[in-house]
PDB file of N, CA and C in Angstrom:
ATOM      1  N   MET A   1      78.159  59.762 106.920  1.00  0.00           N
ATOM      2  CA  MET A   1      78.926  59.910 105.572  1.00  0.00           C
ATOM      3  C   MET A   1      79.206  58.320 105.034  1.00  0.00           C
ATOM      4  N   GLY A   2      78.850  58.665 103.695  1.00  0.00           N
ATOM      5  CA  GLY A   2      79.069  57.209 103.271  1.00  0.00           C
ATOM      6  C   GLY A   2      80.708  56.615 102.545  1.00  0.00           C
ATOM      7  N   GLN A   3      80.728  55.703 102.134  1.00  0.00           N
ATOM      8  CA  GLN A   3      82.184  55.249 101.690  1.00  0.00           C
ATOM      9  C   GLN A   3      82.053  54.261 100.439  1.00  0.00           C
ATOM     10  N   VAL A   4      82.513  54.768  99.515  1.00  0.00           N
ATOM     11  CA  VAL A   4      82.347  53.751  98.287  1.00  0.00           C
ATOM     12  C   VAL A   4      83.948  53.789  97.509  1.00  0.00           C
ATOM     13  N   GLY A   5      84.126  52.606  97.223  1.00  0.00           N
ATOM     14  CA  GLY A   5      85.462  52.207  96.130  1.00  0.00           C
ATOM     15  C   GLY A   5      85.464  53.253  94.967  1.00  0.00           C
ATOM     16  N   ALA A   6      86.458  53.608  94.214  1.00  0.00           N
ATOM     17  CA  ALA A   6      86.849  54.385  92.899  1.00  0.00           C
ATOM     18  C   ALA A   6      85.935  53.737  91.940  1.00  0.00           C
ATOM     19  N   TYR A   7      86.179  52.112  91.788  1.00  0.00           N
ATOM     20  CA  TYR A   7      85.642  51.553  90.514  1.00  0.00           C
ATOM     21  C   TYR A   7      83.656  51.670  90.798  1.00  0.00           C
ATOM     22  N   GLU A   8      83.444  52.028  92.033  1.00  0.00           N
ATOM     23  CA  GLU A   8      81.892  52.164  92.275  1.00  0.00           C
ATOM     24  C   GLU A   8      81.521  53.595  91.974  1.00  0.00           C
ATOM     25  N   ALA A   9      82.370  54.149  92.289  1.00  0.00           N
ATOM     26  CA  ALA A   9      82.424  55.816  91.980  1.00  0.00           C
ATOM     27  C   ALA A   9      81.989  56.094  91.029  1.00  0.00           C
ATOM     28  N   LYS A  10      82.927  55.866  89.984  1.00  0.00           N
ATOM     29  CA  LYS A  10      83.353  55.895  88.671  1.00  0.00           C
ATOM     30  C   LYS A  10      81.701  55.137  88.099  1.00  0.00           C
ATOM     31  N   THR A  11      81.322  54.335  88.029  1.00  0.00           N
ATOM     32  CA  THR A  11      80.113  53.426  87.447  1.00  0.00           C
ATOM     33  C   THR A  11      79.027  54.171  88.431  1.00  0.00           C
ATOM     34  N   HIS A  12      78.734  54.525  89.070  1.00  0.00           N
ATOM     35  CA  HIS A  12      77.575  55.407  89.380  1.00  0.00           C
ATOM     36  C   HIS A  12      77.742  56.843  89.859  1.00  0.00           C
ATOM     37  N   LEU A  13      78.647  57.219  89.324  1.00  0.00           N
ATOM     38  CA  LEU A  13      78.480  59.093  89.528  1.00  0.00           C
ATOM     39  C   LEU A  13      77.528  59.589  89.507  1.00  0.00           C
ATOM     40  N   PRO A  14      76.606  59.489  88.684  1.00  0.00           N
ATOM     41  CA  PRO A  14      74.852  60.133  88.642  1.00  0.00           C
ATOM     42  C   PRO A  14      74.356  60.016  90.125  1.00  0.00           C
ATOM     43  N   GLN A  15      74.553  59.008  90.559  1.00  0.00           N
ATOM     44  CA  GLN A  15      73.777  58.844  91.491  1.00  0.00           C
ATOM     45  C   GLN A  15      74.306  59.176  92.802  1.00  0.00           C
ATOM     46  N   LEU A  16      75.973  59.395  92.946  1.00  0.00           N
ATOM     47  CA  LEU A  16      76.678  59.830  94.231  1.00  0.00           C
ATOM     48  C   LEU A  16      75.822  61.437  94.346  1.00  0.00           C
ATOM     49  N   LEU A  17      76.452  61.767  93.044  1.00  0.00           N
ATOM     50  CA  LEU A  17      76.341  63.509  92.487  1.00  0.00           C
ATOM     51  C   LEU A  17      74.815  63.717  93.184  1.00  0.00           C
ATOM     52  N   GLU A  18      73.580  63.160  92.871  1.00  0.00           N
ATOM     53  CA  GLU A  18      72.604  63.413  93.545  1.00  0.00           C
ATOM     54  C   GLU A  18      72.536  63.568  95.032  1.00  0.00           C
ATOM     55  N   LYS A  19      73.027  62.211  95.493  1.00  0.00           N
ATOM     56  CA  LYS A  19      73.220  61.913  97.509  1.00  0.00           C
ATOM     57  C   LYS A  19      73.808  63.548  97.607  1.00  0.00           C
ATOM     58  N   VAL A  20      75.141  63.505  97.300  1.00  0.00           N
ATOM     59  CA  VAL A  20      75.942  65.285  97.566  1.00  0.00           C
ATOM     60  C   VAL A  20      75.010  66.091  97.387  1.00  0.00           C
ATOM     61  N   ALA A  21      74.249  66.357  96.372  1.00  0.00           N
ATOM     62  CA  ALA A  21      73.277  67.784  96.383  1.00  0.00           C
ATOM     63  C   ALA A  21      72.125  67.581  97.251  1.00  0.00           C
ATOM     64  N   SER A  22      71.981  66.443  98.148  1.00  0.00           N
ATOM     65  CA  SER A  22      70.654  66.241  99.230  1.00  0.00           C
ATOM     66  C   SER A  22      71.682  66.605 100.412  1.00  0.00           C
ATOM     67  N   GLY A  23      73.084  67.121 100.089  1.00  0.00           N
ATOM     68  CA  GLY A  23      73.530  67.603 101.847  1.00  0.00           C
ATOM     69  C   GLY A  23      74.744  66.093 101.969  1.00  0.00           C
ATOM     70  N   GLU A  24      74.636  64.907 101.363  1.00  0.00           N
ATOM     71  CA  GLU A  24      75.555  63.817 102.187  1.00  0.00           C
ATOM     72  C   GLU A  24      76.735  64.008 101.638  1.00  0.00           C
ATOM     73  N   ARG A  25      78.332  63.888 102.383  1.00  0.00           N
ATOM     74  CA  ARG A  25      79.239  63.502 102.267  1.00  0.00           C
ATOM     75  C   ARG A  25      80.041  62.360 102.095  1.00  0.00           C
ATOM     76  N   ILE A  26      80.481  62.234 100.825  1.00  0.00           N
ATOM     77  CA  ILE A  26      80.900  60.593 100.309  1.00  0.00           C
ATOM     78  C   ILE A  26      82.233  60.524 100.634  1.00  0.00           C
ATOM     79  N   THR A  27      83.118  59.680 100.895  1.00  0.00           N
ATOM     80  CA  THR A  27      84.400  59.955 100.777  1.00  0.00           C
ATOM     81  C   THR A  27      84.994  58.308  99.854  1.00  0.00           C
ATOM     82  N   ILE A  28      85.611  58.882  99.000  1.00  0.00           N
ATOM     83  CA  ILE A  28      85.826  57.835  97.889  1.00  0.00           C
ATOM     84  C   ILE A  28      87.483  57.047  98.033  1.00  0.00           C
ATOM     85  N   THR A  29      87.550  55.873  98.051  1.00  0.00           N
ATOM     86  CA  THR A  29      88.465  54.840  98.509  1.00  0.00           C
ATOM     87  C   THR A  29      89.399  54.069  97.177  1.00  0.00           C
ATOM     88  N   LYS A  30      90.229  53.759  97.492  1.00  0.00           N
ATOM     89  CA  LYS A  30      90.975  52.941  96.498  1.00  0.00           C
ATOM     90  C   LYS A  30      92.038  51.999  97.402  1.00  0.00           C
ATOM     91  N   HIS A  31      91.542  51.075  96.904  1.00  0.00           N
ATOM     92  CA  HIS A  31      92.592  49.752  97.580  1.00  0.00           C
ATOM     93  C   HIS A  31      92.460  49.869  99.212  1.00  0.00           C
ATOM     94  N   GLY A  32      91.149  50.464  99.836  1.00  0.00           N
ATOM     95  CA  GLY A  32      90.653  50.629 101.253  1.00  0.00           C
ATOM     96  C   GLY A  32      91.078  51.857 101.460  1.00  0.00           C
ATOM     97  N   ARG A  33      91.793  52.820 100.748  1.00  0.00           N
ATOM     98  CA  ARG A  33      92.315  53.925 101.544  1.00  0.00           C
ATOM     99  C   ARG A  33      91.876  54.731 100.877  1.00  0.00           C
ATOM    100  N   SER A  34      91.384  55.957 101.990  1.00  0.00           N
ATOM    101  CA  SER A  34      90.677  57.594 100.903  1.00  0.00           C
ATOM    102  C   SER A  34      91.307  58.086 100.086  1.00  0.00           C
ATOM    103  N   VAL A  35      91.009  58.514  99.309  1.00  0.00           N
ATOM    104  CA  VAL A  35      91.616  59.222  98.397  1.00  0.00           C
ATOM    105  C   VAL A  35      91.045  60.234  98.022  1.00  0.00           C
ATOM    106  N   ALA A  36      89.747  60.776  98.376  1.00  0.00           N
ATOM    107  CA  ALA A  36      89.053  61.125  97.791  1.00  0.00           C
ATOM    108  C   ALA A  36      87.861  61.711  98.464  1.00  0.00           C
ATOM    109  N   VAL A  37      87.011  63.088  98.689  1.00  0.00           N
ATOM    110  CA  VAL A  37      85.795  62.952  99.080  1.00  0.00           C
ATOM    111  C   VAL A  37      85.120  64.116  98.501  1.00  0.00           C
ATOM    112  N   LEU A  38      83.684  63.690  98.041  1.00  0.00           N
ATOM    113  CA  LEU A  38      82.686  64.638  97.318  1.00  0.00           C
ATOM    114  C   LEU A  38      81.499  65.031  98.255  1.00  0.00           C
ATOM    115  N   GLN A  39      81.535  66.411  98.105  1.00  0.00           N
ATOM    116  CA  GLN A  39      81.038  66.717  99.205  1.00  0.00           C
ATOM    117  C   GLN A  39      80.058  67.962  98.972  1.00  0.00           C
ATOM    118  N   PRO A  40      78.766  68.635  99.166  1.00  0.00           N
ATOM    119  CA  PRO A  40      78.207  69.791  98.265  1.00  0.00           C
ATOM    120  C   PRO A  40      79.234  71.179  98.765  1.00  0.00           C
ATOM    121  N   VAL A  41      78.997  71.799  97.852  1.00  0.00           N
ATOM    122  CA  VAL A  41      79.602  72.729  98.010  1.00  0.00           C
ATOM    123  C   VAL A  41      79.063  74.102  98.673  1.00  0.00           C
ATOM    124  N   GLU A  42      80.128  74.771  99.076  1.00  0.00           N
ATOM    125  CA  GLU A  42      79.318  75.575 100.648  1.00  0.00           C
ATOM    126  C   GLU A  42      78.806  76.978  99.789  1.00  0.00           C
ATOM    127  N   GLY A  43      77.583  77.509 100.070  1.00  0.00           N
ATOM    128  CA  GLY A  43      77.458  78.967  99.730  1.00  0.00           C
ATOM    129  C   GLY A  43      77.345  79.337  98.128  1.00  0.00           C
ATOM    130  N   ARG A  44      77.393  78.005  97.607  1.00  0.00           N
ATOM    131  CA  ARG A  44      76.948  78.009  96.299  1.00  0.00           C
ATOM    132  C   ARG A  44      75.786  79.037  95.816  1.00  0.00           C
ATOM    133  N   SER A  45      74.535  79.086  96.391  1.00  0.00           N
ATOM    134  CA  SER A  45      72.852  79.359  95.856  1.00  0.00           C
ATOM    135  C   SER A  45      73.568  81.150  95.686  1.00  0.00           C
ATOM    136  N   GLY A  46      74.059  81.499  96.337  1.00  0.00           N
ATOM    137  CA  GLY A  46      74.276  83.046  95.997  1.00  0.00           C
ATOM    138  C   GLY A  46      75.350  83.528  94.888  1.00  0.00           C
ATOM    139  N   VAL A  47      76.170  82.533  94.359  1.00  0.00           N
ATOM    140  CA  VAL A  47      76.987  82.834  93.533  1.00  0.00           C
ATOM    141  C   VAL A  47      76.121  83.546  92.371  1.00  0.00           C
ATOM    142  N   VAL A  48      75.868  83.362  91.666  1.00  0.00           N
ATOM    143  CA  VAL A  48      74.645  83.587  90.506  1.00  0.00           C
ATOM    144  C   VAL A  48      74.121  84.657  90.512  1.00  0.00           C
ATOM    145  N   SER A  49      73.395  84.879  91.219  1.00  0.00           N
ATOM    146  CA  SER A  49      72.558  86.086  91.964  1.00  0.00           C
ATOM    147  C   SER A  49      73.741  87.111  92.221  1.00  0.00           C
ATOM    148  N   ASP A  50      74.910  86.560  93.035  1.00  0.00           N
ATOM    149  CA  ASP A  50      75.774  88.144  93.048  1.00  0.00           C
ATOM    150  C   ASP A  50      76.589  88.131  91.534  1.00  0.00           C
ATOM    151  N   ILE A  51      77.005  87.790  90.783  1.00  0.00           N
ATOM    152  CA  ILE A  51      77.408  87.701  89.341  1.00  0.00           C
ATOM    153  C   ILE A  51      75.999  88.474  88.714  1.00  0.00           C
ATOM    154  N   ILE A  52      75.074  88.447  88.503  1.00  0.00           N
ATOM    155  CA  ILE A  52      74.252  89.038  87.911  1.00  0.00           C
ATOM    156  C   ILE A  52      74.018  90.324  88.741  1.00  0.00           C
ATOM    157  N   ARG A  53      74.130  90.583  89.991  1.00  0.00           N
ATOM    158  CA  ARG A  53      74.046  91.780  90.355  1.00  0.00           C
ATOM    159  C   ARG A  53      75.112  93.058  90.252  1.00  0.00           C
ATOM    160  N   GLU A  54      76.852  92.112  90.138  1.00  0.00           N
ATOM    161  CA  GLU A  54      77.549  92.894  90.060  1.00  0.00           C
ATOM    162  C   GLU A  54      77.471  93.143  88.523  1.00  0.00           C
ATOM    163  N   LEU A  55      77.164  92.586  87.765  1.00  0.00           N
ATOM    164  CA  LEU A  55      77.105  92.978  86.076  1.00  0.00           C
ATOM    165  C   LEU A  55      75.832  94.016  85.974  1.00  0.00           C
ATOM    166  N   LYS A  56      75.247  94.013  86.799  1.00  0.00           N
ATOM    167  CA  LYS A  56      73.809  94.968  86.576  1.00  0.00           C
ATOM    168  C   LYS A  56      74.578  96.655  86.862  1.00  0.00           C
ATOM    169  N   GLU A  57      75.382  96.250  88.210  1.00  0.00           N
ATOM    170  CA  GLU A  57      75.957  97.649  88.627  1.00  0.00           C
ATOM    171  C   GLU A  57      76.818  97.797  87.839  1.00  0.00           C
ATOM    172  N   PHE A  58      78.235  97.199  87.210  1.00  0.00           N
ATOM    173  CA  PHE A  58      79.343  97.625  85.831  1.00  0.00           C
ATOM    174  C   PHE A  58      78.478  98.056  84.592  1.00  0.00           C
ATOM    175  N   ARG A  59      77.002  97.491  84.345  1.00  0.00           N
ATOM    176  CA  ARG A  59      76.312  98.390  83.249  1.00  0.00           C
ATOM    177  C   ARG A  59      76.024  99.436  83.521  1.00  0.00           C
ATOM    178  N   ARG A  60      75.500 100.157  84.571  1.00  0.00           N
ATOM    179  CA  ARG A  60      74.941 101.200  85.192  1.00  0.00           C
ATOM    180  C   ARG A  60      75.513 102.289  84.710  1.00  0.00           C
ATOM    181  N   GLY A  61      74.943 103.248  83.980  1.00  0.00           N
ATOM    182  CA  GLY A  61      75.576 104.211  83.489  1.00  0.00           C
ATOM    183  C   GLY A  61      76.579 104.087  81.716  1.00  0.00           C
ATOM    184  N   LYS A  62      76.375 102.954  81.833  1.00  0.00           N
ATOM    185  CA  LYS A  62      77.332 102.664  80.373  1.00  0.00           C
ATOM    186  C   LYS A  62      76.601 102.823  79.249  1.00  0.00           C
ATOM    187  N   ARG A  63      76.486 103.166  78.001  1.00  0.00           N
ATOM    188  CA  ARG A  63      75.775 103.203  76.903  1.00  0.00           C
ATOM    189  C   ARG A  63      76.650 102.804  75.779  1.00  0.00           C
ATOM    190  N   LEU A  64      76.014 102.578  74.658  1.00  0.00           N
ATOM    191  CA  LEU A  64      77.044 102.139  73.238  1.00  0.00           C
ATOM    192  C   LEU A  64      76.640 103.464  72.510  1.00  0.00           C
ATOM    193  N   ASP A  65      75.533 104.359  72.652  1.00  0.00           N
ATOM    194  CA  ASP A  65      75.712 105.678  72.136  1.00  0.00           C
ATOM    195  C   ASP A  65      75.590 105.239  70.663  1.00  0.00           C
ATOM    196  N   GLY A  66      74.407 104.293  70.117  1.00  0.00           N
ATOM    197  CA  GLY A  66      73.731 104.291  68.831  1.00  0.00           C
ATOM    198  C   GLY A  66      74.790 103.053  68.215  1.00  0.00           C
ATOM    199  N   LEU A  67      75.914 102.529  68.724  1.00  0.00           N
ATOM    200  CA  LEU A  67      76.895 101.353  67.984  1.00  0.00           C
ATOM    201  C   LEU A  67      75.740 100.519  67.985  1.00  0.00           C
ATOM    202  N   THR A  68      75.861  99.437  66.864  1.00  0.00           N
ATOM    203  CA  THR A  68      75.694  98.185  67.030  1.00  0.00           C
ATOM    204  C   THR A  68      76.319  96.782  67.402  1.00  0.00           C
ATOM    205  N   ILE A  69      75.793  96.191  67.609  1.00  0.00           N
ATOM    206  CA  ILE A  69      77.242  94.981  67.956  1.00  0.00           C
ATOM    207  C   ILE A  69      77.889  94.902  66.677  1.00  0.00           C
ATOM    208  N   ARG A  70      77.389  94.545  65.532  1.00  0.00           N
ATOM    209  CA  ARG A  70      78.141  94.348  64.514  1.00  0.00           C
ATOM    210  C   ARG A  70      79.352  95.518  64.340  1.00  0.00           C
ATOM    211  N   GLU A  71      78.782  96.685  64.288  1.00  0.00           N
ATOM    212  CA  GLU A  71      79.724  97.771  64.497  1.00  0.00           C
ATOM    213  C   GLU A  71      81.247  97.419  65.071  1.00  0.00           C
ATOM    214  N   MET A  72      80.747  96.882  66.641  1.00  0.00           N
ATOM    215  CA  MET A  72      81.954  96.647  67.571  1.00  0.00           C
ATOM    216  C   MET A  72      82.963  95.833  67.364  1.00  0.00           C
ATOM    217  N   ILE A  73      81.815  94.790  66.488  1.00  0.00           N
ATOM    218  CA  ILE A  73      82.921  93.384  66.477  1.00  0.00           C
ATOM    219  C   ILE A  73      83.755  93.688  65.479  1.00  0.00           C
ATOM    220  N   GLU A  74      83.451  94.485  64.365  1.00  0.00           N
ATOM    221  CA  GLU A  74      84.178  95.306  63.454  1.00  0.00           C
ATOM    222  C   GLU A  74      85.206  95.994  63.715  1.00  0.00           C
ATOM    223  N   GLU A  75      84.811  96.705  64.560  1.00  0.00           N
ATOM    224  CA  GLU A  75      85.690  97.558  65.343  1.00  0.00           C
ATOM    225  C   GLU A  75      87.175  96.949  65.869  1.00  0.00           C
ATOM    226  N   GLY A  76      86.445  96.176  66.611  1.00  0.00           N
ATOM    227  CA  GLY A  76      87.242  95.275  67.414  1.00  0.00           C
ATOM    228  C   GLY A  76      88.401  94.222  66.237  1.00  0.00           C
ATOM    229  N   ARG A  77      88.321  93.872  64.801  1.00  0.00           N
ATOM    230  CA  ARG A  77      88.876  93.250  64.064  1.00  0.00           C
ATOM    231  C   ARG A  77      89.782  94.163  63.427  1.00  0.00           C
ATOM    232  N   SER A  78      89.787  95.721  63.526  1.00  0.00           N
ATOM    233  CA  SER A  78      90.741  96.463  62.348  1.00  0.00           C
ATOM    234  C   SER A  78      91.824  97.220  63.936  1.00  0.00           C
TER     235      SER A  78
END
């Protein structure tokens, strides 16, 4: 686990995020005291595919019955 000061973290955030993306955990300190931790998000890889699957399931069986998007917008405005 790496450790960096707050000023260095601010200055080099893109590089730190690259390290975190590759699995490293980084502690940010201020005046020598730990104040935050940058770490990879766990379970992130399946989130998008889960959302897409849920949207497809929600859509199943639902039809617009010939309505256009413009008609739906106009209907929502009235």
